[in-house]
Amino acid sequence: MIDLIFFTMACFGLMYVIGHSVISLSIRERIARLPAPRWRFWFITLIECPACLGFWIGLAAGLFGYVPILVLLSPIPHPILAIVWGLYIAGTNYVLARQTALI
C-alpha cells in the first residue's frame, strides 16, 4: 500500500515539474511561440492540464511496467492495466491539483 501511495505522489510530482514549475517554463514558452497555432494550443493545454498529463504519465508507467507490485498481481491483461493505471493517475492528479490550488 505504501508503494501505491509513494508512486501516486511521484506521478503527481512529475506532473507538477512538467506542467507547472519554473524548471520547465522556458520549454513551455518556446513551445507556445512555435508557428503552428492550433498544434501549440493543443499541446500546451495537454501539458498544463493535471488530469490530461496525469493520464499520459500513468499510461506510460503502465505500458513500461513501472507500477507498484500490488497492481501487478491483478489478472487484468497488460494493456488494459496500463489504461486503468492512466485513469487512476489522472484522477488522483486532478484531486491533488484541486487540493493544492493548481487549478
C-alpha atoms as a PDB file:
ATOM      1  CA  MET A   1       0.000   0.000   0.000  1.00  0.00           C
ATOM      2  CA  ILE A   2       2.857   2.348   0.764  1.00  0.00           C
ATOM      3  CA  ASP A   3       4.246   1.629  -2.721  1.00  0.00           C
ATOM      4  CA  LEU A   4       0.980   2.763  -4.277  1.00  0.00           C
ATOM      5  CA  ILE A   5       0.888   6.000  -2.274  1.00  0.00           C
ATOM      6  CA  PHE A   6       4.559   6.720  -2.986  1.00  0.00           C
ATOM      7  CA  PHE A   7       4.170   6.106  -6.708  1.00  0.00           C
ATOM      8  CA  THR A   8       0.986   8.210  -6.874  1.00  0.00           C
ATOM      9  CA  MET A   9       2.829  11.113  -5.257  1.00  0.00           C
ATOM     10  CA  ALA A  10       5.799  10.609  -7.594  1.00  0.00           C
ATOM     11  CA  CYS A  11       3.474  10.828 -10.617  1.00  0.00           C
ATOM     12  CA  PHE A  12       1.930  13.995  -9.176  1.00  0.00           C
ATOM     13  CA  GLY A  13       5.405  15.454  -8.690  1.00  0.00           C
ATOM     14  CA  LEU A  14       6.345  14.620 -12.268  1.00  0.00           C
ATOM     15  CA  MET A  15       3.142  16.271 -13.494  1.00  0.00           C
ATOM     16  CA  TYR A  16       3.949  19.372 -11.456  1.00  0.00           C
ATOM     17  CA  VAL A  17       7.509  19.608 -12.764  1.00  0.00           C
ATOM     18  CA  ILE A  18       6.441  19.200 -16.397  1.00  0.00           C
ATOM     19  CA  GLY A  19       3.288  21.294 -16.357  1.00  0.00           C
ATOM     20  CA  HIS A  20       3.603  23.983 -13.702  1.00  0.00           C
ATOM     21  CA  SER A  21       7.107  24.503 -12.351  1.00  0.00           C
ATOM     22  CA  VAL A  22       9.700  27.109 -13.233  1.00  0.00           C
ATOM     23  CA  ILE A  23      12.054  24.314 -14.310  1.00  0.00           C
ATOM     24  CA  SER A  24      10.040  23.611 -17.460  1.00  0.00           C
ATOM     25  CA  LEU A  25       8.768  27.165 -18.002  1.00  0.00           C
ATOM     26  CA  SER A  26      11.309  28.048 -20.698  1.00  0.00           C
ATOM     27  CA  ILE A  27      10.460  24.894 -22.672  1.00  0.00           C
ATOM     28  CA  ARG A  28       6.731  25.601 -22.410  1.00  0.00           C
ATOM     29  CA  GLU A  29       7.300  29.200 -23.531  1.00  0.00           C
ATOM     30  CA  ARG A  30       9.308  28.010 -26.542  1.00  0.00           C
ATOM     31  CA  ILE A  31       6.509  25.633 -27.485  1.00  0.00           C
ATOM     32  CA  ALA A  32       3.985  28.463 -27.132  1.00  0.00           C
ATOM     33  CA  ARG A  33       5.991  30.548 -29.653  1.00  0.00           C
ATOM     34  CA  LEU A  34       6.007  27.846 -32.348  1.00  0.00           C
ATOM     35  CA  PRO A  35       4.474  28.889 -35.674  1.00  0.00           C
ATOM     36  CA  ALA A  36       1.647  26.305 -35.802  1.00  0.00           C
ATOM     37  CA  PRO A  37      -1.099  27.961 -33.685  1.00  0.00           C
ATOM     38  CA  ARG A  38      -3.603  25.087 -33.404  1.00  0.00           C
ATOM     39  CA  TRP A  39      -0.963  22.495 -32.626  1.00  0.00           C
ATOM     40  CA  ARG A  40       0.778  24.554 -29.966  1.00  0.00           C
ATOM     41  CA  PHE A  41      -2.510  25.432 -28.221  1.00  0.00           C
ATOM     42  CA  TRP A  42      -3.464  21.744 -28.052  1.00  0.00           C
ATOM     43  CA  PHE A  43      -0.028  20.690 -26.804  1.00  0.00           C
ATOM     44  CA  ILE A  44       0.298  23.412 -24.157  1.00  0.00           C
ATOM     45  CA  THR A  45      -3.233  22.660 -22.931  1.00  0.00           C
ATOM     46  CA  LEU A  46      -2.343  18.982 -22.707  1.00  0.00           C
ATOM     47  CA  ILE A  47       0.841  19.702 -20.751  1.00  0.00           C
ATOM     48  CA  GLU A  48      -0.699  22.166 -18.300  1.00  0.00           C
ATOM     49  CA  CYS A  49      -3.839  20.121 -17.549  1.00  0.00           C
ATOM     50  CA  PRO A  50      -3.129  17.931 -14.472  1.00  0.00           C
ATOM     51  CA  ALA A  51      -5.632  15.233 -15.444  1.00  0.00           C
ATOM     52  CA  CYS A  52      -4.527  15.106 -19.097  1.00  0.00           C
ATOM     53  CA  LEU A  53      -0.841  14.907 -18.350  1.00  0.00           C
ATOM     54  CA  GLY A  54      -1.552  12.516 -15.485  1.00  0.00           C
ATOM     55  CA  PHE A  55      -3.312  10.133 -17.866  1.00  0.00           C
ATOM     56  CA  TRP A  56      -0.360  10.030 -20.239  1.00  0.00           C
ATOM     57  CA  ILE A  57       2.134   9.635 -17.375  1.00  0.00           C
ATOM     58  CA  GLY A  58       0.047   6.809 -15.927  1.00  0.00           C
ATOM     59  CA  LEU A  59      -0.372   5.156 -19.315  1.00  0.00           C
ATOM     60  CA  ALA A  60       3.374   5.271 -19.936  1.00  0.00           C
ATOM     61  CA  ALA A  61       4.034   3.909 -16.454  1.00  0.00           C
ATOM     62  CA  GLY A  62       1.607   1.066 -17.072  1.00  0.00           C
ATOM     63  CA  LEU A  63       2.969   0.221 -20.504  1.00  0.00           C
ATOM     64  CA  PHE A  64       6.572   0.190 -19.327  1.00  0.00           C
ATOM     65  CA  GLY A  65       5.769  -1.761 -16.173  1.00  0.00           C
ATOM     66  CA  TYR A  66       6.543   0.945 -13.615  1.00  0.00           C
ATOM     67  CA  VAL A  67       3.637   0.129 -11.323  1.00  0.00           C
ATOM     68  CA  PRO A  68       3.616  -1.000  -7.708  1.00  0.00           C
ATOM     69  CA  ILE A  69       3.683  -4.745  -7.094  1.00  0.00           C
ATOM     70  CA  LEU A  70       0.168  -4.608  -5.633  1.00  0.00           C
ATOM     71  CA  VAL A  71      -1.219  -3.656  -9.046  1.00  0.00           C
ATOM     72  CA  LEU A  72       0.924  -6.180 -10.925  1.00  0.00           C
ATOM     73  CA  LEU A  73      -0.699  -9.066  -9.058  1.00  0.00           C
ATOM     74  CA  SER A  74      -4.049  -8.437 -10.753  1.00  0.00           C
ATOM     75  CA  PRO A  75      -5.263 -10.805 -13.508  1.00  0.00           C
ATOM     76  CA  ILE A  76      -6.027  -7.929 -15.920  1.00  0.00           C
ATOM     77  CA  PRO A  77      -4.071  -8.030 -19.228  1.00  0.00           C
ATOM     78  CA  HIS A  78      -1.158  -5.602 -19.501  1.00  0.00           C
ATOM     79  CA  PRO A  79      -2.574  -3.005 -21.989  1.00  0.00           C
ATOM     80  CA  ILE A  80      -5.856  -2.785 -20.087  1.00  0.00           C
ATOM     81  CA  LEU A  81      -3.910  -2.398 -16.852  1.00  0.00           C
ATOM     82  CA  ALA A  82      -1.974   0.481 -18.432  1.00  0.00           C
ATOM     83  CA  ILE A  83      -5.226   2.272 -19.326  1.00  0.00           C
ATOM     84  CA  VAL A  84      -6.625   1.704 -15.837  1.00  0.00           C
ATOM     85  CA  TRP A  85      -3.380   2.975 -14.329  1.00  0.00           C
ATOM     86  CA  GLY A  86      -3.572   6.065 -16.564  1.00  0.00           C
ATOM     87  CA  LEU A  87      -7.124   6.758 -15.417  1.00  0.00           C
ATOM     88  CA  TYR A  88      -6.128   6.283 -11.786  1.00  0.00           C
ATOM     89  CA  ILE A  89      -3.211   8.722 -12.054  1.00  0.00           C
ATOM     90  CA  ALA A  90      -5.375  11.217 -13.984  1.00  0.00           C
ATOM     91  CA  GLY A  91      -7.985  11.137 -11.229  1.00  0.00           C
ATOM     92  CA  THR A  92      -5.519  11.451  -8.381  1.00  0.00           C
ATOM     93  CA  ASN A  93      -3.643  14.248 -10.163  1.00  0.00           C
ATOM     94  CA  TYR A  94      -6.908  16.136 -10.628  1.00  0.00           C
ATOM     95  CA  VAL A  95      -7.868  15.749  -6.969  1.00  0.00           C
ATOM     96  CA  LEU A  96      -4.398  16.696  -5.729  1.00  0.00           C
ATOM     97  CA  ALA A  97      -4.244  19.683  -8.089  1.00  0.00           C
ATOM     98  CA  ARG A  98      -7.589  20.924  -6.771  1.00  0.00           C
ATOM     99  CA  GLN A  99      -6.409  20.466  -3.185  1.00  0.00           C
ATOM    100  CA  THR A 100      -3.145  22.320  -3.794  1.00  0.00           C
ATOM    101  CA  ALA A 101      -4.896  25.120  -5.776  1.00  0.00           C
ATOM    102  CA  LEU A 102      -3.045  24.418  -9.027  1.00  0.00           C
ATOM    103  CA  ILE A 103      -6.406  24.537 -10.806  1.00  0.00           C
END
